Amino acid sequence: PDPESFEAIPGMGVKCRYRGRDIKLGNAALMSSSGMIAPDEVERQITAVENEGKTPIILSVDNKIAGLIGVADTLKEHSAEAIKQLEKTGIQVVMLTGDNERTASTIAEKLGIKRVLSEVLPDQKERAVREIQHEGRHVAMVGDGVNDAPALAAADVGIAIGSGTDVAVETGGIVLIRDDPRDVVTAIKLSKRTLQKIKQNLFWAFAYNTILIPIAAGALVPFLGPGVYDYLPFLAAGAMAFSSVTVVGNSLLLSRFNPATNA
């Protein structure tokens, strides 16, 4: 039969009333909000679970602890490698998680992350992103869940994992098709290379105009005589075509981009 009542509490857990009994399943904050105090033995077990990098989920029946479950996300295969590459390029990696401090620190140590913001509730992630921005930093947020959507929107660049929820994918400015954290590094490297090409193309465009505008105005007349005006239209057309070919050809070099060899 269905429970008589049910409530999901964001960032804490769920509670319901079933056959006259109050049942709660969630983190320590949910239990504390109900006035429950865990016995010393349970506290030791919770600490042991957290030290393994797992999140302890506590089950209570009628305000008495009845069970303890350790839940952990499986680290993506190349997460540590991706973080190492990001740090190598001068990007500070910040771990933003709802896990408790001990669990978050254990996972961060495995990944080589130095800055951790733990016990962040879903509605606080956006605020955390804005606080980092107020430090004068540009923020790129990587996420895949419904809870990440506001933070993805608040960040300077929102990067959504393609295998994540539809809300996260719709919010992200960049969507990674593969479920590989190394693609974050690739996206950043490709963005830098694209910006470099844009600057190069702008340079060539300004260079052509700087050189040819004086010629169009008659700078060659003292040297070649008035007859040079008969050839200026052809010279202008050729220069314009050559300018376009140069810019397009330079842009097409991006097709040779290889994240493994490009910094």
Protein backbone atom coordinates (compact mmCIF):
# COMPACT_ATOMS: atom_id res chain seq x y z
CA PRO A 1 0.00 0.00 0.00
CA ASP A 2 1.00 3.61 -0.50
CA PRO A 3 2.29 5.64 2.45
CA GLU A 4 -0.12 7.94 4.24
CA SER A 5 2.22 10.89 3.60
CA PHE A 6 5.46 11.52 1.77
CA GLU A 7 7.82 14.51 1.56
CA ALA A 8 11.11 14.99 -0.28
CA ILE A 9 13.42 17.56 1.35
CA PRO A 10 16.03 18.96 -1.07
CA GLY A 11 19.59 18.39 0.09
CA MET A 12 18.50 16.31 3.07
CA GLY A 13 16.41 13.26 2.15
CA VAL A 14 12.85 11.97 2.33
CA LYS A 15 10.35 11.22 5.04
CA CYS A 16 7.01 9.46 5.09
CA ARG A 17 4.40 7.95 7.35
CA TYR A 18 3.70 4.31 6.62
CA ARG A 19 1.29 2.13 8.60
CA GLY A 20 1.37 4.58 11.47
CA ARG A 21 5.16 4.76 11.68
CA ASP A 22 7.37 7.76 10.88
CA ILE A 23 10.17 6.75 8.51
CA LYS A 24 13.05 8.98 7.44
CA LEU A 25 15.87 8.31 5.00
CA GLY A 26 18.55 10.92 4.50
CA ASN A 27 21.67 12.60 5.79
CA ALA A 28 22.65 13.62 9.32
CA ALA A 29 21.07 17.06 8.84
CA LEU A 30 17.65 15.46 8.35
CA MET A 31 18.06 13.44 11.54
CA SER A 32 19.25 16.47 13.51
CA SER A 33 16.25 18.49 12.34
CA SER A 34 14.06 15.86 14.03
CA GLY A 35 16.03 16.07 17.27
CA MET A 36 17.73 12.69 16.88
CA ILE A 37 21.20 12.15 18.34
CA ALA A 38 23.21 9.24 16.99
CA PRO A 39 24.79 6.87 19.57
CA ASP A 40 28.60 6.80 19.73
CA GLU A 41 28.78 3.49 17.86
CA VAL A 42 26.68 4.86 15.01
CA GLU A 43 28.83 8.01 14.92
CA ARG A 44 31.95 5.84 14.55
CA GLN A 45 30.32 3.94 11.70
CA ILE A 46 29.31 7.20 10.01
CA THR A 47 32.87 8.50 10.30
CA ALA A 48 34.24 5.26 8.84
CA VAL A 49 31.84 5.52 5.87
CA GLU A 50 32.82 9.15 5.25
CA ASN A 51 36.53 8.33 5.39
CA GLU A 52 35.94 5.87 2.55
CA GLY A 53 34.66 8.74 0.43
CA LYS A 54 31.04 7.64 0.75
CA THR A 55 27.97 9.61 1.78
CA PRO A 56 26.22 8.09 4.81
CA ILE A 57 22.45 7.68 4.41
CA ILE A 58 20.67 7.11 7.70
CA LEU A 59 17.38 5.24 8.09
CA SER A 60 15.22 6.02 11.10
CA VAL A 61 11.91 4.58 12.26
CA ASP A 62 9.89 6.53 14.83
CA ASN A 63 12.91 8.76 15.52
CA LYS A 64 15.19 5.82 16.24
CA ILE A 65 18.12 4.99 13.96
CA ALA A 66 17.46 1.66 12.28
CA GLY A 67 20.13 1.46 9.59
CA LEU A 68 23.08 3.07 7.82
CA ILE A 69 23.86 2.96 4.11
CA GLY A 70 27.07 4.19 2.44
CA VAL A 71 26.50 5.66 -1.04
CA ALA A 72 29.27 6.78 -3.37
CA ASP A 73 29.46 8.10 -6.91
CA THR A 74 31.89 6.19 -9.09
CA LEU A 75 34.72 8.45 -10.15
CA LYS A 76 34.88 8.84 -13.90
CA GLU A 77 37.82 7.00 -15.39
CA HIS A 78 39.81 10.03 -16.54
CA SER A 79 38.73 12.58 -13.92
CA ALA A 80 42.11 12.84 -12.19
CA GLU A 81 43.89 13.21 -15.55
CA ALA A 82 41.50 15.97 -16.66
CA ILE A 83 41.96 17.90 -13.42
CA LYS A 84 45.73 17.59 -13.68
CA GLN A 85 45.62 19.02 -17.22
CA LEU A 86 43.40 21.90 -16.12
CA GLU A 87 45.74 22.77 -13.25
CA LYS A 88 48.65 22.59 -15.70
CA THR A 89 47.05 25.29 -17.87
CA GLY A 90 46.71 27.59 -14.85
CA ILE A 91 43.02 26.95 -14.17
CA GLN A 92 42.00 26.55 -10.53
CA VAL A 93 39.63 23.61 -10.06
CA VAL A 94 36.97 23.94 -7.35
CA MET A 95 34.86 21.02 -6.22
CA LEU A 96 31.26 22.08 -5.51
CA THR A 97 29.27 19.35 -3.79
CA GLY A 98 26.43 18.66 -1.40
CA ASP A 99 28.46 15.93 0.33
CA ASN A 100 29.69 16.50 3.87
CA GLU A 101 33.17 17.92 4.40
CA ARG A 102 34.89 14.65 5.30
CA THR A 103 33.50 12.74 2.29
CA ALA A 104 34.19 15.64 -0.07
CA SER A 105 37.78 16.00 1.19
CA THR A 106 38.45 12.30 0.68
CA ILE A 107 37.23 12.42 -2.92
CA ALA A 108 39.07 15.70 -3.59
CA GLU A 109 42.31 14.17 -2.32
CA LYS A 110 41.93 11.27 -4.76
CA LEU A 111 41.41 13.69 -7.64
CA GLY A 112 44.05 16.21 -6.64
CA ILE A 113 41.60 19.06 -6.04
CA LYS A 114 42.85 21.64 -3.55
CA ARG A 115 39.74 23.79 -3.03
CA VAL A 116 36.49 22.18 -1.90
CA LEU A 117 33.10 23.74 -1.19
CA SER A 118 31.12 21.05 0.62
CA GLU A 119 27.62 20.71 2.08
CA VAL A 120 26.27 23.05 -0.60
CA LEU A 121 22.52 22.62 -0.93
CA PRO A 122 21.00 22.59 -4.45
CA ASP A 123 19.67 26.15 -4.12
CA GLN A 124 23.07 27.38 -2.89
CA LYS A 125 25.15 26.33 -5.89
CA GLU A 126 24.30 29.43 -7.89
CA ARG A 127 25.27 31.60 -4.91
CA ALA A 128 28.60 29.75 -4.60
CA VAL A 129 29.36 30.45 -8.27
CA ARG A 130 28.60 34.15 -7.85
CA GLU A 131 30.80 34.35 -4.74
CA ILE A 132 33.73 32.99 -6.74
CA GLN A 133 32.99 35.53 -9.47
CA HIS A 134 33.08 38.28 -6.84
CA GLU A 135 36.67 37.21 -6.15
CA GLY A 136 37.44 38.59 -9.60
CA ARG A 137 37.56 35.22 -11.33
CA HIS A 138 35.92 33.99 -14.51
CA VAL A 139 33.97 30.82 -13.75
CA ALA A 140 33.28 27.80 -15.95
CA MET A 141 30.79 25.45 -14.32
CA VAL A 142 30.64 21.78 -15.31
CA GLY A 143 27.49 19.88 -14.33
CA ASP A 144 24.98 17.28 -15.43
CA GLY A 145 22.08 17.37 -12.97
CA VAL A 146 18.87 19.31 -12.44
CA ASN A 147 20.44 20.89 -9.36
CA ASP A 148 23.31 22.21 -11.49
CA ALA A 149 21.13 24.20 -13.91
CA PRO A 150 21.01 27.52 -11.96
CA ALA A 151 24.79 27.40 -11.39
CA LEU A 152 25.40 26.61 -15.08
CA ALA A 153 23.31 29.66 -16.01
CA ALA A 154 25.10 31.91 -13.50
CA ALA A 155 28.62 30.90 -14.60
CA ASP A 156 30.51 32.82 -17.28
CA VAL A 157 30.62 29.54 -19.21
CA GLY A 158 28.24 26.66 -18.51
CA ILE A 159 29.52 23.26 -19.63
CA ALA A 160 26.92 20.49 -19.56
CA ILE A 161 27.67 16.79 -19.83
CA GLY A 162 25.63 15.35 -22.71
CA SER A 163 24.62 12.30 -20.70
CA GLY A 164 23.10 14.54 -18.00
CA THR A 165 19.56 15.79 -17.53
CA ASP A 166 17.70 17.73 -20.21
CA VAL A 167 17.57 20.81 -17.97
CA ALA A 168 21.35 20.89 -17.59
CA VAL A 169 21.90 20.33 -21.32
CA GLU A 170 19.47 23.14 -22.22
CA THR A 171 21.16 25.52 -19.77
CA GLY A 172 24.79 24.84 -20.70
CA GLY A 173 26.48 27.09 -23.23
CA ILE A 174 28.70 24.15 -24.21
CA VAL A 175 27.42 20.57 -24.35
CA LEU A 176 29.93 17.72 -24.25
CA ILE A 177 28.63 14.78 -26.28
CA ARG A 178 30.80 12.17 -24.60
CA ASP A 179 30.77 11.38 -20.90
CA ASP A 180 34.51 12.06 -20.65
CA PRO A 181 35.84 14.84 -18.34
CA ARG A 182 38.90 15.24 -20.58
CA ASP A 183 36.58 16.86 -23.13
CA VAL A 184 36.38 19.86 -20.79
CA VAL A 185 40.10 20.37 -21.36
CA THR A 186 39.63 19.89 -25.10
CA ALA A 187 36.82 22.47 -25.19
CA ILE A 188 38.98 25.04 -23.43
CA LYS A 189 41.99 24.39 -25.69
CA LEU A 190 39.82 24.59 -28.82
CA SER A 191 38.25 27.84 -27.58
CA LYS A 192 41.69 29.38 -27.04
CA ARG A 193 42.84 28.27 -30.49
CA THR A 194 39.67 29.66 -32.08
CA LEU A 195 40.18 33.02 -30.37
CA GLN A 196 43.78 33.01 -31.60
CA LYS A 197 42.58 32.49 -35.19
CA ILE A 198 40.05 35.32 -34.85
CA LYS A 199 42.81 37.69 -33.74
CA GLN A 200 45.05 36.57 -36.61
CA ASN A 201 42.26 37.11 -39.14
CA LEU A 202 41.52 40.57 -37.75
CA PHE A 203 45.22 41.41 -38.02
CA TRP A 204 45.35 40.41 -41.70
CA ALA A 205 42.12 42.28 -42.47
CA PHE A 206 43.42 45.49 -40.89
CA ALA A 207 46.82 45.03 -42.53
CA TYR A 208 45.29 44.76 -46.03
CA ASN A 209 43.14 47.83 -45.47
CA THR A 210 46.01 49.83 -44.00
CA ILE A 211 48.16 49.11 -47.05
CA LEU A 212 45.57 49.31 -49.82
CA ILE A 213 43.41 52.25 -48.76
CA PRO A 214 46.27 54.75 -49.36
CA ILE A 215 46.86 53.11 -52.76
CA ALA A 216 43.19 53.49 -53.62
CA ALA A 217 43.46 57.16 -52.60
CA GLY A 218 46.23 57.71 -55.14
CA ALA A 219 49.46 57.07 -53.22
CA LEU A 220 51.01 55.46 -56.34
CA VAL A 221 50.15 58.31 -58.73
CA PRO A 222 53.39 60.29 -58.09
CA PHE A 223 55.37 57.17 -59.00
CA LEU A 224 53.30 55.53 -61.76
CA GLY A 225 51.31 58.44 -63.15
CA PRO A 226 47.53 58.96 -63.53
CA GLY A 227 47.28 55.88 -65.73
CA VAL A 228 47.49 53.70 -62.66
CA TYR A 229 43.79 54.44 -62.01
CA ASP A 230 42.95 52.18 -64.96
CA TYR A 231 44.36 49.23 -63.03
CA LEU A 232 43.19 50.04 -59.48
CA PRO A 233 39.79 48.28 -59.83
CA PHE A 234 41.55 45.07 -60.87
CA LEU A 235 44.11 45.50 -58.10
CA ALA A 236 41.34 46.07 -55.55
CA ALA A 237 39.39 43.00 -56.72
CA GLY A 238 42.50 40.83 -56.57
CA ALA A 239 43.44 42.13 -53.13
CA MET A 240 39.92 41.47 -51.82
CA ALA A 241 39.94 37.92 -53.17
CA PHE A 242 43.40 37.29 -51.74
CA SER A 243 42.28 38.70 -48.36
CA SER A 244 39.26 36.39 -48.26
CA VAL A 245 41.29 33.36 -49.25
CA THR A 246 43.86 34.15 -46.56
CA VAL A 247 41.26 34.51 -43.79
CA VAL A 248 39.26 31.41 -44.81
CA GLY A 249 42.41 29.34 -45.28
CA ASN A 250 43.73 30.38 -41.88
CA SER A 251 40.40 29.44 -40.27
CA LEU A 252 40.38 26.04 -42.00
CA LEU A 253 43.64 25.22 -40.23
CA LEU A 254 41.48 24.62 -37.14
CA SER A 255 40.49 21.31 -38.73
CA ARG A 256 44.01 20.14 -37.93
CA PHE A 257 43.50 20.86 -34.22
CA ASN A 258 44.60 17.98 -32.03
CA PRO A 259 44.00 18.36 -28.26
CA ALA A 260 46.76 15.87 -27.51
CA THR A 261 49.42 18.10 -29.08
CA ASN A 262 47.96 21.60 -28.65
CA ALA A 263 48.24 23.54 -25.42
